């Protein structure tokens, strides 16, 4: 309930925020809404994503949706968003009301299990994922990558968070060992 109260107040002032910014400071200063990415990390992701003008984005591990807000507001080309958060997506109605031009798929379940994969595949239809952000189950980043790879746009981007941590680094290393092009941006100078 408290999360939605914060989002209601936040969205009430949304007309003051220009679309297309790399980040929105008031998300990061909120005691509730802040994403679990550092602001510079998220800005870097939005800049990289903007270069491919994504239509379809998928965030695995959306937490309180502070990062999800950026996918919707920072990237004006986004038309479809998949939001996966195993703990639930209580903010879904607020996002749908405040981003009426975006088609959402809400997944309050594990991203790499067959039921979720079937839902994503059916919802995508002929579309592909342009940007995939993996920030969910830290022990299975490689599993998330490989089960979603066939749904990706060949020119798409996959972002993996916290690759400096041991378990996520192991998954990331399994992916790059298969010869996928990669670039690392690690900036742990900011606190959450």
Protein backbone atom coordinates (compact mmCIF):
# COMPACT_ATOMS: atom_id res chain seq x y z
CA UNK A 1 0.00 0.00 0.00
CA UNK A 2 2.79 2.44 0.88
CA UNK A 3 4.51 1.77 -2.46
CA UNK A 4 1.37 2.65 -4.39
CA UNK A 5 0.83 5.79 -2.29
CA UNK A 6 4.32 6.95 -3.26
CA UNK A 7 3.67 6.14 -6.92
CA UNK A 8 0.34 7.97 -6.88
CA UNK A 9 2.05 11.11 -5.59
CA UNK A 10 4.94 10.61 -8.00
CA UNK A 11 2.66 10.20 -11.03
CA UNK A 12 0.61 13.23 -9.95
CA UNK A 13 3.69 15.35 -10.76
CA UNK A 14 4.72 13.39 -13.85
CA UNK A 15 3.74 16.10 -16.34
CA UNK A 16 6.65 18.18 -14.98
CA UNK A 17 9.16 15.51 -16.05
CA UNK A 18 10.40 15.71 -19.63
CA UNK A 19 10.38 12.38 -21.47
CA UNK A 20 13.72 11.12 -22.73
CA UNK A 21 15.94 11.97 -19.75
CA UNK A 22 18.66 9.49 -18.84
CA UNK A 23 17.43 9.35 -15.24
CA UNK A 24 14.91 11.10 -13.04
CA UNK A 25 16.40 12.40 -9.81
CA UNK A 26 13.17 12.26 -7.81
CA UNK A 27 13.00 8.48 -8.28
CA UNK A 28 16.47 8.15 -6.80
CA UNK A 29 15.78 10.49 -3.88
CA UNK A 30 12.54 8.70 -2.96
CA UNK A 31 12.89 6.55 0.16
CA UNK A 32 10.60 3.96 -1.44
CA UNK A 33 10.78 4.17 -5.24
CA UNK A 34 14.54 4.23 -5.81
CA UNK A 35 15.76 1.49 -8.16
CA UNK A 36 18.38 -0.98 -7.05
CA UNK A 37 20.67 0.30 -9.80
CA UNK A 38 23.01 3.16 -9.22
CA UNK A 39 22.00 6.32 -11.05
CA UNK A 40 25.06 6.36 -13.32
CA UNK A 41 24.51 2.70 -14.20
CA UNK A 42 20.90 3.34 -15.14
CA UNK A 43 21.84 6.43 -17.16
CA UNK A 44 24.40 4.35 -19.08
CA UNK A 45 21.76 1.70 -19.79
CA UNK A 46 19.26 4.26 -21.04
CA UNK A 47 21.89 5.84 -23.31
CA UNK A 48 22.85 2.45 -24.77
CA UNK A 49 19.23 1.47 -25.24
CA UNK A 50 18.35 4.78 -26.89
CA UNK A 51 20.86 4.00 -29.68
CA UNK A 52 18.73 1.09 -30.87
CA UNK A 53 15.34 2.83 -30.39
CA UNK A 54 13.75 -0.15 -28.61
CA UNK A 55 10.07 -0.93 -29.07
CA UNK A 56 9.92 -3.95 -26.73
CA UNK A 57 11.71 -4.07 -23.37
CA UNK A 58 11.70 -6.73 -20.68
CA UNK A 59 12.83 -6.18 -17.09
CA UNK A 60 13.42 -9.30 -15.00
CA UNK A 61 13.50 -8.39 -11.32
CA UNK A 62 11.62 -5.09 -11.41
CA UNK A 63 11.48 -4.82 -7.60
CA UNK A 64 9.61 -1.61 -6.71
CA UNK A 65 9.49 -0.42 -10.37
CA UNK A 66 11.80 2.59 -10.09
CA UNK A 67 13.85 1.22 -12.97
CA UNK A 68 10.71 0.20 -14.85
CA UNK A 69 9.61 3.83 -14.78
CA UNK A 70 12.79 4.74 -16.66
CA UNK A 71 12.17 2.18 -19.41
CA UNK A 72 8.75 3.77 -19.92
CA UNK A 73 9.64 7.46 -19.55
CA UNK A 74 13.25 7.66 -20.77
CA UNK A 75 12.75 5.81 -24.04
CA UNK A 76 9.97 7.37 -26.14
CA UNK A 77 10.17 4.57 -28.73
CA UNK A 78 9.00 1.93 -26.23
CA UNK A 79 5.59 0.50 -27.11
CA UNK A 80 5.57 -2.78 -25.21
CA UNK A 81 6.96 -3.66 -21.77
CA UNK A 82 7.27 -6.96 -19.94
CA UNK A 83 7.68 -6.58 -16.20
CA UNK A 84 8.67 -9.63 -14.15
CA UNK A 85 8.82 -9.46 -10.37
CA UNK A 86 8.34 -12.68 -8.42
CA UNK A 87 7.15 -10.72 -5.34
CA UNK A 88 4.31 -9.18 -7.34
CA UNK A 89 3.52 -6.04 -9.31
CA UNK A 90 1.08 -4.03 -7.16
CA UNK A 91 1.85 -0.89 -9.21
CA UNK A 92 0.55 -2.35 -12.48
CA UNK A 93 -2.70 -0.32 -12.59
CA UNK A 94 -0.81 2.93 -11.94
CA UNK A 95 1.65 2.23 -14.75
CA UNK A 96 -1.10 1.29 -17.17
CA UNK A 97 -3.02 4.48 -16.33
CA UNK A 98 0.05 6.72 -16.61
CA UNK A 99 1.52 5.10 -19.73
CA UNK A 100 -1.65 4.35 -21.73
CA UNK A 101 0.25 4.08 -25.02
CA UNK A 102 2.36 1.19 -23.69
CA UNK A 103 1.15 -2.41 -23.82
CA UNK A 104 2.25 -4.20 -20.64
CA UNK A 105 2.68 -7.84 -19.69
CA UNK A 106 2.91 -8.37 -15.93
CA UNK A 107 4.61 -11.51 -14.64
CA UNK A 108 4.55 -12.03 -10.86
CA UNK A 109 6.43 -15.33 -11.27
CA UNK A 110 9.81 -16.84 -12.10
CA UNK A 111 11.04 -15.62 -15.49
CA UNK A 112 12.79 -18.79 -16.65
CA UNK A 113 10.13 -21.38 -15.85
CA UNK A 114 7.94 -22.76 -18.67
CA UNK A 115 4.66 -20.99 -17.70
CA UNK A 116 6.28 -17.54 -17.81
CA UNK A 117 8.17 -18.33 -21.01
CA UNK A 118 4.94 -19.47 -22.67
CA UNK A 119 3.19 -16.24 -21.62
CA UNK A 120 6.03 -14.12 -22.97
CA UNK A 121 6.15 -15.99 -26.28
CA UNK A 122 2.38 -15.74 -26.75
CA UNK A 123 2.31 -12.05 -25.82
CA UNK A 124 5.20 -11.21 -28.14
CA UNK A 125 3.58 -12.87 -31.16
CA UNK A 126 5.78 -11.79 -34.06
CA UNK A 127 7.64 -9.17 -32.01
CA UNK A 128 11.05 -9.67 -30.46
CA UNK A 129 12.65 -8.24 -27.34
CA UNK A 130 14.87 -5.25 -28.10
CA UNK A 131 16.22 -4.72 -24.57
CA UNK A 132 16.34 -7.37 -21.87
CA UNK A 133 17.42 -6.34 -18.39
CA UNK A 134 18.29 -9.29 -16.16
CA UNK A 135 18.29 -8.36 -12.49
CA UNK A 136 16.28 -11.18 -10.95
CA UNK A 137 17.52 -14.47 -9.53
CA UNK A 138 21.23 -13.77 -9.09
CA UNK A 139 22.19 -17.44 -9.32
CA UNK A 140 20.66 -17.96 -12.76
CA UNK A 141 21.60 -15.03 -15.01
CA UNK A 142 22.89 -17.40 -17.66
CA UNK A 143 19.66 -19.41 -17.54
CA UNK A 144 17.61 -16.23 -18.03
CA UNK A 145 19.84 -15.24 -20.92
CA UNK A 146 19.68 -18.55 -22.75
CA UNK A 147 15.94 -19.19 -22.35
CA UNK A 148 15.14 -15.71 -23.69
CA UNK A 149 17.80 -15.56 -26.38
CA UNK A 150 15.54 -16.96 -29.12
CA UNK A 151 13.02 -14.19 -28.34
CA UNK A 152 15.60 -11.43 -28.79
CA UNK A 153 15.94 -9.05 -31.70
CA UNK A 154 19.28 -9.97 -33.34
CA UNK A 155 20.32 -6.32 -32.88
CA UNK A 156 18.99 -6.19 -29.32
CA UNK A 157 20.83 -5.57 -26.07
CA UNK A 158 20.89 -7.67 -22.91
CA UNK A 159 21.86 -5.90 -19.70
CA UNK A 160 22.95 -7.91 -16.65
CA UNK A 161 23.13 -6.20 -13.28
CA UNK A 162 25.62 -6.77 -10.44
CA UNK A 163 28.17 -8.70 -12.52
CA UNK A 164 30.86 -7.75 -10.01
CA UNK A 165 29.20 -10.13 -7.52
CA UNK A 166 30.39 -13.74 -7.51
CA UNK A 167 27.16 -15.57 -8.44
CA UNK A 168 26.10 -13.14 -11.15
CA UNK A 169 29.64 -12.97 -12.52
CA UNK A 170 29.62 -16.75 -12.93
CA UNK A 171 26.46 -16.55 -15.05
CA UNK A 172 27.79 -13.62 -17.04
CA UNK A 173 31.06 -15.48 -17.70
CA UNK A 174 29.10 -18.48 -19.03
CA UNK A 175 27.36 -16.19 -21.51
CA UNK A 176 30.49 -14.43 -22.76
CA UNK A 177 32.34 -17.75 -22.96
CA UNK A 178 29.91 -18.63 -25.77
CA UNK A 179 31.31 -15.77 -27.84
CA UNK A 180 28.60 -13.14 -27.43
CA UNK A 181 29.77 -9.57 -27.94
CA UNK A 182 29.86 -7.75 -24.64
CA UNK A 183 30.79 -4.53 -22.95
CA UNK A 184 31.11 -4.00 -19.23
CA UNK A 185 30.16 -0.95 -17.25
CA UNK A 186 30.79 -1.31 -13.54
CA UNK A 187 30.46 1.72 -11.31
CA UNK A 188 30.03 0.96 -7.64
CA UNK A 189 30.95 4.45 -6.41
CA UNK A 190 27.35 5.45 -5.69
CA UNK A 191 25.37 4.02 -2.81
CA UNK A 192 21.68 3.10 -3.16
